Amino acid sequence: MKKEIKKYKILVTGGAGFIGSHIVDRLIALGHKVLIIDDLSTGKKENINKQAVFYKEDIRNFEKIKSLFKGIDFVFHLAAQPRIQPSILDPMPSCDINIKGTLNALIASRDAKVKKFIYSASSSVYGNQKNNPLLETMEPKPKNPYAMAKYFGEIMCRVFNELYELPTVSLRYFNVYGLRQPETGAYATVIGIFLKQFKENKPFTIVPDGKQKRDYTFVGDVVEANILAMDSEKAVSGEAINIGTGKNYSIFEIANLIGGKNHKRVIISPRRGEAKITLADISKAKKILGWTAKISLKEGIERLKK
């Protein structure tokens, strides 16, 4: 006899954004009722699933958002000021949105007695470490305001779990890429930038020295990690869990995968406040969530080039 899947009322903050919109789509495909809070500062109207209930609100305005949490079973908190470089140029918005906004969402979740709060954290909290792969037990060493604010969000999730018994889990994403990723502007990802440049037959713009390595994770795999985190009875105590592939690639290797070795490249100005290497140890994700990444970087890029 087929096991019946429970249907829940779920709130996704940042549900019009790159990752958030994919989570919304998956939740709706599973039959859940989904509400979205997004102020569309970085999210897009075209990303909003028509079956979701959308509220254009700023998560920093507690009085505007608190009533939307009533009757909610699970909260996926993705609303944030993303990316490192904008936070270096102006730390205020990153800290205001990522700290105050997360605190508002946690308070509203506590008051609404939600079953679990799933927080989209960031691998940037590790900074530069002496050893790789990166383990959740390592001391975070944020190198920029964005990473600092995202780590403070993790701390708040743990405190709300310990103090108010709100089940929480923080998923530390490693360089997410995929359909709907930003391709231009301050929030663009390197894979998004290179794909756009390749399609327009423009040279790849490479930050010195091109040898920095990242663990790139396909957005579909990140979505599945979120769904497993929602369902897991083990992921409830405010713990942080790495969500990556356990493999990393240099910027030059990304350029080769997208355009081949002969596509023209130009070196641009260096970027401050970024780690040299990221590589996820995903043993905790395997143990607690039963999750591993299924899409290789080569396959992910091939999907996006079609």
Protein backbone atom coordinates (compact mmCIF):
# COMPACT_ATOMS: atom_id res chain seq x y z
CA MET A 1 0.00 0.00 0.00
CA LYS A 2 1.42 3.37 -1.04
CA LYS A 3 2.26 5.65 1.88
CA GLU A 4 0.24 8.87 1.82
CA ILE A 5 2.35 12.02 1.72
CA LYS A 6 1.21 14.67 4.18
CA LYS A 7 0.31 18.03 2.68
CA TYR A 8 1.49 21.13 4.51
CA LYS A 9 1.10 24.88 4.44
CA ILE A 10 4.60 26.23 3.80
CA LEU A 11 6.08 29.72 3.72
CA VAL A 12 9.12 30.53 1.58
CA THR A 13 10.78 33.90 2.14
CA GLY A 14 12.70 34.97 -0.95
CA GLY A 15 10.50 32.66 -3.02
CA ALA A 16 10.88 34.79 -6.15
CA GLY A 17 14.66 34.48 -6.07
CA PHE A 18 17.01 32.07 -7.82
CA ILE A 19 17.06 29.23 -5.27
CA GLY A 20 13.82 30.08 -3.50
CA SER A 21 11.72 29.85 -6.66
CA HIS A 22 13.04 26.35 -7.35
CA ILE A 23 12.13 25.27 -3.81
CA VAL A 24 8.63 26.70 -4.30
CA ASP A 25 8.21 24.78 -7.56
CA ARG A 26 9.25 21.52 -5.90
CA LEU A 27 6.97 22.00 -2.89
CA ILE A 28 3.99 22.71 -5.13
CA ALA A 29 4.82 19.67 -7.26
CA LEU A 30 4.67 17.62 -4.04
CA GLY A 31 1.17 18.97 -3.38
CA HIS A 32 1.87 21.45 -0.61
CA LYS A 33 0.23 24.86 -0.30
CA VAL A 34 2.93 27.53 -0.59
CA LEU A 35 3.05 31.19 0.40
CA ILE A 36 5.85 33.48 -0.77
CA ILE A 37 7.22 36.63 0.85
CA ASP A 38 9.54 38.60 -1.43
CA ASP A 39 10.08 42.32 -1.94
CA LEU A 40 11.40 41.70 -5.49
CA SER A 41 14.60 43.64 -4.79
CA THR A 42 16.60 40.76 -6.27
CA GLY A 43 13.80 38.27 -6.98
CA LYS A 44 11.80 38.37 -10.21
CA LYS A 45 8.07 38.29 -10.91
CA GLU A 46 8.58 35.75 -13.69
CA ASN A 47 10.07 33.31 -11.18
CA ILE A 48 6.88 33.19 -9.10
CA ASN A 49 4.92 29.97 -9.41
CA LYS A 50 1.33 30.82 -10.33
CA GLN A 51 0.00 28.27 -7.84
CA ALA A 52 1.72 29.99 -4.92
CA VAL A 53 0.19 32.84 -2.89
CA PHE A 54 2.50 35.82 -3.26
CA TYR A 55 3.00 38.72 -0.84
CA LYS A 56 5.26 41.58 -1.84
CA GLU A 57 6.69 42.51 1.55
CA ASP A 58 10.05 43.38 3.10
CA ILE A 59 11.10 40.90 5.80
CA ARG A 60 12.56 43.78 7.78
CA ASN A 61 9.02 45.04 8.43
CA PHE A 62 7.87 42.74 11.22
CA GLU A 63 4.39 44.25 11.53
CA LYS A 64 3.73 43.57 7.84
CA ILE A 65 4.92 39.96 7.78
CA LYS A 66 4.04 38.48 11.18
CA SER A 67 0.41 37.61 10.33
CA LEU A 68 1.55 35.69 7.22
CA PHE A 69 3.18 33.05 9.45
CA LYS A 70 -0.12 32.12 11.14
CA GLY A 71 -1.09 28.53 10.41
CA ILE A 72 2.22 27.79 8.65
CA ASP A 73 3.76 24.34 9.17
CA PHE A 74 7.26 24.92 7.77
CA VAL A 75 9.32 28.00 6.91
CA PHE A 76 12.11 28.07 4.34
CA HIS A 77 14.04 31.28 4.93
CA LEU A 78 15.93 32.39 1.83
CA ALA A 79 15.19 36.12 1.73
CA ALA A 80 18.55 37.85 1.92
CA GLN A 81 20.89 40.42 0.43
CA PRO A 82 23.04 37.97 -1.55
CA ARG A 83 26.68 37.86 -2.63
CA ILE A 84 29.95 39.04 -1.14
CA GLN A 85 31.10 42.01 -3.21
CA PRO A 86 27.98 44.20 -2.69
CA SER A 87 28.35 43.69 1.08
CA ILE A 88 31.93 44.95 0.94
CA LEU A 89 30.94 48.08 -0.98
CA ASP A 90 28.07 48.77 1.44
CA PRO A 91 27.80 46.58 4.57
CA MET A 92 24.59 48.18 5.86
CA PRO A 93 21.97 46.52 3.58
CA SER A 94 23.59 43.09 3.91
CA CYS A 95 23.60 43.24 7.70
CA ASP A 96 20.19 44.91 7.96
CA ILE A 97 18.40 42.41 5.71
CA ASN A 98 20.33 39.28 6.62
CA ILE A 99 20.33 39.83 10.39
CA LYS A 100 17.19 41.83 11.15
CA GLY A 101 15.19 40.01 8.47
CA THR A 102 16.23 36.61 9.81
CA LEU A 103 15.43 37.65 13.37
CA ASN A 104 11.96 38.80 12.28
CA ALA A 105 11.33 35.50 10.50
CA LEU A 106 12.46 33.53 13.55
CA ILE A 107 10.27 35.51 15.95
CA ALA A 108 7.26 35.16 13.66
CA SER A 109 7.95 31.40 13.33
CA ARG A 110 8.26 31.00 17.08
CA ASP A 111 5.02 32.85 17.71
CA ALA A 112 3.21 30.83 15.03
CA LYS A 113 4.60 27.58 16.47
CA VAL A 114 5.86 26.32 13.11
CA LYS A 115 7.11 22.73 12.94
CA LYS A 116 10.56 23.69 11.60
CA PHE A 117 12.58 26.66 10.33
CA ILE A 118 14.97 25.79 7.47
CA TYR A 119 17.63 28.49 7.06
CA SER A 120 19.64 29.01 3.88
CA ALA A 121 23.14 29.55 5.24
CA SER A 122 26.39 29.98 3.32
CA SER A 123 29.75 28.24 2.97
CA SER A 124 31.29 31.73 3.00
CA VAL A 125 31.20 31.55 6.82
CA TYR A 126 34.30 29.33 6.73
CA GLY A 127 36.58 31.99 5.23
CA ASN A 128 40.12 30.71 4.74
CA GLN A 129 40.90 27.51 6.61
CA LYS A 130 44.22 25.68 6.88
CA ASN A 131 42.69 22.37 5.85
CA ASN A 132 40.20 21.09 3.30
CA PRO A 133 37.57 19.70 2.94
CA LEU A 134 35.58 22.03 5.15
CA LEU A 135 33.90 20.48 8.19
CA GLU A 136 31.00 21.91 10.17
CA THR A 137 33.13 21.55 13.33
CA MET A 138 35.66 24.12 12.06
CA GLU A 139 35.63 27.59 13.59
CA PRO A 140 33.91 30.00 11.18
CA LYS A 141 36.16 32.81 9.96
CA PRO A 142 33.99 35.21 7.95
CA LYS A 143 36.01 37.48 5.66
CA ASN A 144 33.28 39.95 4.67
CA PRO A 145 30.02 41.50 5.94
CA TYR A 146 27.85 39.06 3.96
CA ALA A 147 29.51 36.00 5.50
CA MET A 148 29.42 37.61 8.94
CA ALA A 149 25.69 38.31 8.68
CA LYS A 150 24.89 34.83 7.37
CA TYR A 151 26.81 33.28 10.26
CA PHE A 152 24.92 35.45 12.73
CA GLY A 153 21.75 33.99 11.21
CA GLU A 154 23.00 30.51 12.12
CA ILE A 155 23.68 31.62 15.68
CA MET A 156 20.16 33.01 15.97
CA CYS A 157 18.72 29.72 14.67
CA ARG A 158 20.60 27.81 17.39
CA VAL A 159 19.52 30.24 20.10
CA PHE A 160 15.86 30.04 19.08
CA ASN A 161 16.09 26.27 19.14
CA GLU A 162 17.70 26.14 22.58
CA LEU A 163 15.72 28.96 24.18
CA TYR A 164 12.30 28.63 22.56
CA GLU A 165 12.40 24.99 21.37
CA LEU A 166 11.85 26.05 17.76
CA PRO A 167 13.20 23.26 15.52
CA THR A 168 15.76 24.81 13.16
CA VAL A 169 18.43 23.67 10.71
CA SER A 170 20.99 25.68 8.74
CA LEU A 171 22.06 24.49 5.30
CA ARG A 172 25.45 25.86 4.24
CA TYR A 173 25.27 26.11 0.46
CA PHE A 174 28.42 25.83 -1.64
CA ASN A 175 28.34 27.98 -4.81
CA VAL A 176 24.89 27.20 -6.17
CA TYR A 177 24.31 27.45 -9.93
CA GLY A 178 21.51 26.58 -12.34
CA LEU A 179 18.52 27.87 -14.27
CA ARG A 180 17.45 31.41 -13.19
CA GLN A 181 20.88 32.20 -11.76
CA PRO A 182 21.91 35.87 -12.08
CA GLU A 183 24.03 36.47 -15.19
CA THR A 184 24.73 40.18 -14.90
CA GLY A 185 25.30 42.80 -12.22
CA ALA A 186 26.67 42.59 -8.70
CA TYR A 187 24.75 39.40 -7.86
CA ALA A 188 25.86 37.33 -10.85
CA THR A 189 27.54 33.94 -10.35
CA VAL A 190 30.71 33.03 -12.25
CA ILE A 191 28.97 30.22 -14.13
CA GLY A 192 26.12 32.55 -15.05
CA ILE A 193 28.58 35.22 -16.22
CA PHE A 194 30.64 32.77 -18.30
CA LEU A 195 27.56 31.20 -19.92
CA LYS A 196 26.27 34.62 -20.97
CA GLN A 197 29.69 35.67 -22.27
CA PHE A 198 30.03 32.42 -24.20
CA LYS A 199 26.59 32.78 -25.83
CA GLU A 200 27.45 36.37 -26.83
CA ASN A 201 30.92 35.34 -28.05
CA LYS A 202 32.59 37.66 -25.56
CA PRO A 203 35.82 36.85 -23.68
CA PHE A 204 35.57 35.30 -20.24
CA THR A 205 36.39 37.84 -17.50
CA ILE A 206 38.62 36.10 -14.97
CA VAL A 207 39.59 37.36 -11.54
CA PRO A 208 43.28 36.82 -10.69
CA ASP A 209 44.72 34.32 -10.66
CA GLY A 210 42.08 31.96 -12.06
CA LYS A 211 43.37 29.12 -9.89
CA GLN A 212 40.98 29.72 -6.99
CA LYS A 213 38.81 26.62 -6.53
CA ARG A 214 35.14 26.32 -5.61
CA ASP A 215 32.70 23.52 -4.87
CA TYR A 216 29.82 24.14 -7.32
CA THR A 217 26.38 22.71 -6.48
CA PHE A 218 23.49 22.35 -8.93
CA VAL A 219 20.32 24.09 -7.77
CA GLY A 220 18.19 20.93 -8.16
CA ASP A 221 20.42 19.12 -5.67
CA VAL A 222 20.11 22.05 -3.25
CA VAL A 223 16.32 21.86 -3.54
CA GLU A 224 16.33 18.17 -2.65
CA ALA A 225 18.53 18.89 0.39
CA ASN A 226 15.92 21.40 1.57
CA ILE A 227 13.07 18.93 1.15
CA LEU A 228 15.00 16.27 3.07
CA ALA A 229 15.81 18.80 5.80
CA MET A 230 12.10 19.56 6.16
CA ASP A 231 11.24 15.89 6.50
CA SER A 232 14.20 14.83 8.67
CA GLU A 233 13.49 14.11 12.33
CA LYS A 234 17.23 14.42 13.03
CA ALA A 235 17.72 17.93 11.63
CA VAL A 236 15.93 19.88 14.38
CA SER A 237 18.57 21.13 16.82
CA GLY A 238 19.93 24.21 15.08
CA GLU A 239 22.83 22.34 13.50
CA ALA A 240 24.66 23.52 10.38
CA ILE A 241 24.98 21.08 7.46
CA ASN A 242 27.19 21.45 4.40
CA ILE A 243 25.41 21.23 1.06
CA GLY A 244 28.05 20.74 -1.63
CA THR A 245 29.39 18.08 -3.96
CA GLY A 246 32.68 17.20 -2.26
CA LYS A 247 34.56 18.16 -5.47
CA ASN A 248 35.98 21.53 -6.47
CA TYR A 249 37.11 23.20 -9.69
CA SER A 250 39.27 26.19 -10.55
CA ILE A 251 37.97 29.18 -12.50
CA PHE A 252 40.11 28.07 -15.44
CA GLU A 253 38.46 24.63 -15.34
CA ILE A 254 35.01 26.27 -15.38
CA ALA A 255 36.06 28.33 -18.40
CA ASN A 256 37.27 25.18 -20.16
CA LEU A 257 34.01 23.32 -19.45
CA ILE A 258 31.90 26.15 -20.83
CA GLY A 259 33.93 27.45 -23.76
CA GLY A 260 36.84 25.09 -24.32
CA LYS A 261 40.50 25.98 -23.96
CA ASN A 262 40.53 28.31 -26.96
CA HIS A 263 37.78 30.73 -25.87
CA LYS A 264 39.34 34.14 -25.23
CA ARG A 265 39.89 35.25 -21.62
CA VAL A 266 40.75 38.59 -20.05
CA ILE A 267 42.00 39.20 -16.53
CA ILE A 268 40.00 41.78 -14.54
CA SER A 269 40.55 43.49 -11.18
CA PRO A 270 40.95 41.24 -8.13
CA ARG A 271 38.08 40.85 -5.68
CA ARG A 272 38.53 41.37 -1.96
CA GLY A 273 37.19 39.31 0.93
CA GLU A 274 36.82 35.95 -0.80
CA ALA A 275 38.25 32.59 0.20
CA LYS A 276 40.85 30.96 -2.03
CA ILE A 277 39.43 27.44 -1.80
CA THR A 278 36.08 25.91 -0.87
CA LEU A 279 35.44 22.18 -0.70
CA ALA A 280 32.59 20.62 1.26
CA ASP A 281 32.82 17.61 3.51
CA ILE A 282 29.30 16.20 3.06
CA SER A 283 29.46 13.30 5.48
CA LYS A 284 27.05 15.06 7.85
CA ALA A 285 24.52 15.65 5.06
CA LYS A 286 24.74 11.95 4.19
CA LYS A 287 24.26 10.89 7.81
CA ILE A 288 21.50 13.29 8.89
CA LEU A 289 19.64 13.93 5.63
CA GLY A 290 20.57 10.91 3.54
CA TRP A 291 21.62 13.43 0.88
CA THR A 292 24.35 13.54 -1.74
CA ALA A 293 24.63 15.70 -4.85
CA LYS A 294 23.54 13.80 -7.98
CA ILE A 295 24.36 16.29 -10.75
CA SER A 296 28.04 16.62 -11.71
CA LEU A 297 29.37 20.02 -12.74
CA LYS A 298 29.86 18.81 -16.32
CA GLU A 299 26.26 17.59 -16.54
CA GLY A 300 24.92 20.76 -14.89
CA ILE A 301 26.73 23.02 -17.33
CA GLU A 302 25.62 20.90 -20.29
CA ARG A 303 22.00 21.32 -19.16
CA LEU A 304 22.41 25.10 -18.99
CA LYS A 305 24.08 25.35 -22.41
CA LYS A 306 21.08 23.77 -24.18
